[in-house]
Amino acid sequence: MKRNRSSQYAVCLLLATMLFACSKKEEPPPAPAPVQVAPAAPVVQPAAPVQKQLSSAVPGRTGFDFSRRRDPFRSAAPVAPAPVRPDGQSAAPLQLRPSKDQLPIQSFEVNKFKVAGIIAGLQENRALLVDPDGKGYVVQKGMRIGSNNGRITRITASSVEVVESFRADGKGSKKRKIVLTLAKKR
């Protein structure tokens, strides 16, 4: 009961404090001074002021210099030149697509790729090949690979077979078979 009374006293004290704190004594506003009217002079419109610049940035200069940046729409892989034989004839491979449209997987020689894994599926097998830069590619039968326009012809449980077509001695096209094997478990 004593507790209840002390809380009642606290509430009354709080209300009294609020009542006195909220009262505001208003003073009457001072009387306005009489304004003398001067003869009207012709009004001249000054030129419209230009808004003052709010930022400290120098106009006309951007904060970024994009001249040294890499174009994000160009391939990062270097374009390999066609090899030339000692007799002066070009040992150029059959070009099925222009060199500027090559994929990054076509910028390295086939024997530089490493087989990191093979996925044996119900319909077709796939393989994970890693290029010399360490970038991985998931490939399947029929895909193009390598700088000599090799085509993946077969993926077995332990290897990937690639066939490259090239012109030899100006007579016709020859085919070379390259087998990339999966590394054994240690």
Protein backbone atom coordinates (compact mmCIF):
# COMPACT_ATOMS: atom_id res chain seq x y z
CA MET A 1 0.00 0.00 0.00
CA LYS A 2 2.90 2.25 0.82
CA ARG A 3 4.30 1.51 -2.59
CA ASN A 4 1.04 2.49 -4.27
CA ARG A 5 0.97 5.86 -2.46
CA SER A 6 4.52 6.69 -3.40
CA SER A 7 3.74 6.06 -7.07
CA GLN A 8 0.67 8.32 -6.76
CA TYR A 9 2.83 11.10 -5.32
CA ALA A 10 5.32 10.65 -8.15
CA VAL A 11 2.58 10.94 -10.78
CA CYS A 12 1.15 14.09 -9.15
CA LEU A 13 4.59 15.65 -8.97
CA LEU A 14 5.20 14.86 -12.63
CA LEU A 15 1.87 16.40 -13.71
CA ALA A 16 2.53 19.56 -11.70
CA THR A 17 5.97 19.92 -13.26
CA MET A 18 4.53 19.53 -16.73
CA LEU A 19 1.80 22.10 -16.03
CA PHE A 20 4.27 24.78 -14.95
CA ALA A 21 6.78 23.92 -17.65
CA CYS A 22 4.23 24.26 -20.43
CA SER A 23 2.91 27.68 -19.47
CA LYS A 24 4.18 30.46 -21.69
CA LYS A 25 3.92 34.14 -20.99
CA GLU A 26 3.22 36.08 -24.12
CA GLU A 27 4.31 39.65 -24.46
CA PRO A 28 2.42 41.88 -26.86
CA PRO A 29 4.31 42.46 -30.10
CA PRO A 30 5.84 45.92 -30.52
CA ALA A 31 3.86 48.36 -32.62
CA PRO A 32 5.14 48.65 -36.18
CA ALA A 33 6.96 51.85 -37.01
CA PRO A 34 5.22 54.07 -39.56
CA VAL A 35 6.64 53.60 -43.02
CA GLN A 36 7.30 56.66 -45.14
CA VAL A 37 6.46 56.26 -48.78
CA ALA A 38 9.02 57.66 -51.20
CA PRO A 39 8.16 58.68 -54.75
CA ALA A 40 8.25 55.68 -57.06
CA ALA A 41 11.37 55.41 -59.17
CA PRO A 42 11.35 53.59 -62.47
CA VAL A 43 11.93 49.90 -61.83
CA VAL A 44 14.87 48.45 -63.74
CA GLN A 45 15.00 44.67 -63.96
CA PRO A 46 18.54 43.50 -63.24
CA ALA A 47 19.86 40.58 -65.25
CA ALA A 48 18.72 37.27 -63.84
CA PRO A 49 21.42 36.13 -61.42
CA VAL A 50 23.01 32.81 -62.18
CA GLN A 51 22.67 30.31 -59.39
CA LYS A 52 25.85 30.02 -57.42
CA GLN A 53 27.64 26.72 -57.91
CA LEU A 54 27.04 24.55 -54.87
CA SER A 55 29.72 21.92 -55.40
CA SER A 56 33.45 22.37 -55.30
CA ALA A 57 34.00 20.19 -58.37
CA VAL A 58 35.69 21.83 -61.30
CA PRO A 59 33.25 21.90 -64.23
CA GLY A 60 34.39 20.31 -67.47
CA ARG A 61 36.70 17.78 -65.84
CA THR A 62 35.53 14.29 -64.95
CA GLY A 63 36.96 12.33 -62.08
CA PHE A 64 37.75 9.23 -64.17
CA ASP A 65 40.24 8.66 -66.96
CA PHE A 66 39.01 5.71 -69.01
CA SER A 67 41.80 5.82 -71.59
CA ARG A 68 43.90 3.35 -69.60
CA ARG A 69 41.06 0.95 -68.82
CA ARG A 70 40.54 -2.38 -70.58
CA ASP A 71 37.54 -2.60 -72.91
CA PRO A 72 35.16 -5.06 -71.18
CA PHE A 73 33.74 -6.22 -74.51
CA ARG A 74 37.07 -7.39 -75.97
CA SER A 75 38.56 -10.80 -75.27
CA ALA A 76 41.42 -10.88 -72.77
CA ALA A 77 43.09 -13.80 -74.58
CA PRO A 78 45.94 -12.90 -76.93
CA VAL A 79 45.57 -13.69 -80.63
CA ALA A 80 48.25 -16.15 -81.72
CA PRO A 81 49.85 -15.53 -85.16
CA ALA A 82 49.87 -18.33 -87.73
CA PRO A 83 53.12 -20.36 -87.73
CA VAL A 84 55.42 -20.08 -90.78
CA ARG A 85 57.53 -23.00 -92.01
CA PRO A 86 61.20 -22.59 -93.05
CA ASP A 87 60.38 -23.06 -96.76
CA GLY A 88 58.25 -19.89 -96.68
CA GLN A 89 54.84 -21.54 -96.93
CA SER A 90 52.35 -20.98 -94.21
CA ALA A 91 51.36 -23.95 -92.11
CA ALA A 92 48.11 -22.19 -91.37
CA PRO A 93 45.25 -24.33 -90.11
CA LEU A 94 41.89 -24.40 -91.79
CA GLN A 95 40.19 -21.26 -90.56
CA LEU A 96 36.54 -21.99 -90.01
CA ARG A 97 35.90 -18.70 -88.24
CA PRO A 98 37.74 -15.36 -88.28
CA SER A 99 40.47 -14.94 -85.68
CA LYS A 100 38.80 -11.94 -84.03
CA ASP A 101 35.76 -14.08 -83.15
CA GLN A 102 37.77 -16.80 -81.44
CA LEU A 103 36.82 -17.89 -77.98
CA PRO A 104 39.40 -17.85 -75.17
CA ILE A 105 39.52 -21.66 -75.27
CA GLN A 106 40.83 -21.37 -78.85
CA SER A 107 43.82 -19.22 -77.99
CA PHE A 108 46.09 -22.02 -76.68
CA GLU A 109 47.49 -25.16 -78.26
CA VAL A 110 45.52 -28.31 -77.46
CA ASN A 111 48.40 -30.14 -75.76
CA LYS A 112 48.76 -27.25 -73.23
CA PHE A 113 45.37 -28.06 -71.69
CA LYS A 114 45.09 -30.36 -68.66
CA VAL A 115 42.12 -32.62 -67.95
CA ALA A 116 40.96 -31.86 -64.42
CA GLY A 117 37.89 -34.08 -64.40
CA ILE A 118 35.45 -36.08 -66.49
CA ILE A 119 31.72 -36.32 -65.88
CA ALA A 120 30.19 -39.50 -67.27
CA GLY A 121 26.53 -38.80 -67.87
CA LEU A 122 23.63 -40.87 -69.15
CA GLN A 123 23.41 -39.08 -72.50
CA GLU A 124 26.88 -37.68 -73.10
CA ASN A 125 30.14 -37.22 -71.24
CA ARG A 126 31.62 -33.86 -70.33
CA ALA A 127 35.13 -32.90 -69.30
CA LEU A 128 36.68 -30.09 -67.30
CA LEU A 129 39.77 -28.73 -69.08
CA VAL A 130 42.14 -26.19 -67.49
CA ASP A 131 44.15 -23.82 -69.72
CA PRO A 132 47.74 -22.68 -68.93
CA ASP A 133 46.34 -19.54 -67.23
CA GLY A 134 44.35 -21.69 -64.79
CA LYS A 135 40.89 -20.97 -66.21
CA GLY A 136 38.57 -23.97 -66.42
CA TYR A 137 36.22 -24.91 -69.27
CA VAL A 138 33.50 -27.56 -69.32
CA VAL A 139 33.55 -29.14 -72.78
CA GLN A 140 31.55 -31.77 -74.61
CA LYS A 141 31.77 -33.68 -77.87
CA GLY A 142 31.77 -31.46 -80.97
CA MET A 143 33.14 -28.30 -79.35
CA ARG A 144 36.09 -26.41 -80.83
CA ILE A 145 39.29 -26.17 -78.83
CA GLY A 146 42.84 -24.98 -79.43
CA SER A 147 44.54 -22.51 -81.73
CA ASN A 148 44.46 -24.95 -84.67
CA ASN A 149 40.66 -25.32 -84.65
CA GLY A 150 40.62 -28.74 -83.07
CA ARG A 151 37.31 -30.47 -82.52
CA ILE A 152 36.56 -32.75 -79.58
CA THR A 153 35.59 -36.10 -81.09
CA ARG A 154 35.33 -38.37 -78.07
CA ILE A 155 35.27 -38.18 -74.28
CA THR A 156 35.93 -41.44 -72.43
CA ALA A 157 36.15 -42.15 -68.69
CA SER A 158 39.89 -41.41 -68.69
CA SER A 159 40.66 -39.22 -71.73
CA VAL A 160 39.55 -36.55 -74.18
CA GLU A 161 40.31 -37.00 -77.90
CA VAL A 162 40.77 -33.96 -80.13
CA VAL A 163 41.21 -33.97 -83.92
CA GLU A 164 42.93 -30.99 -85.58
CA SER A 165 42.64 -30.37 -89.33
CA PHE A 166 45.46 -28.50 -91.06
CA ARG A 167 46.93 -28.01 -94.54
CA ALA A 168 50.21 -29.74 -95.17
CA ASP A 169 52.44 -29.08 -98.20
CA GLY A 170 49.60 -27.25 -99.96
CA LYS A 171 48.11 -30.60 -101.11
CA GLY A 172 45.12 -30.94 -98.89
CA SER A 173 44.01 -31.13 -95.35
CA LYS A 174 45.45 -33.61 -92.89
CA LYS A 175 44.10 -34.61 -89.53
CA ARG A 176 46.07 -35.02 -86.33
CA LYS A 177 44.63 -36.85 -83.31
CA ILE A 178 45.61 -35.59 -79.84
CA VAL A 179 44.64 -37.48 -76.68
CA LEU A 180 44.48 -35.61 -73.37
CA THR A 181 44.46 -38.04 -70.43
CA LEU A 182 43.05 -37.58 -66.97
CA ALA A 183 45.72 -37.49 -64.27
CA LYS A 184 45.75 -40.55 -61.98
CA LYS A 185 44.71 -40.21 -58.33
CA ARG A 186 47.61 -40.08 -55.90
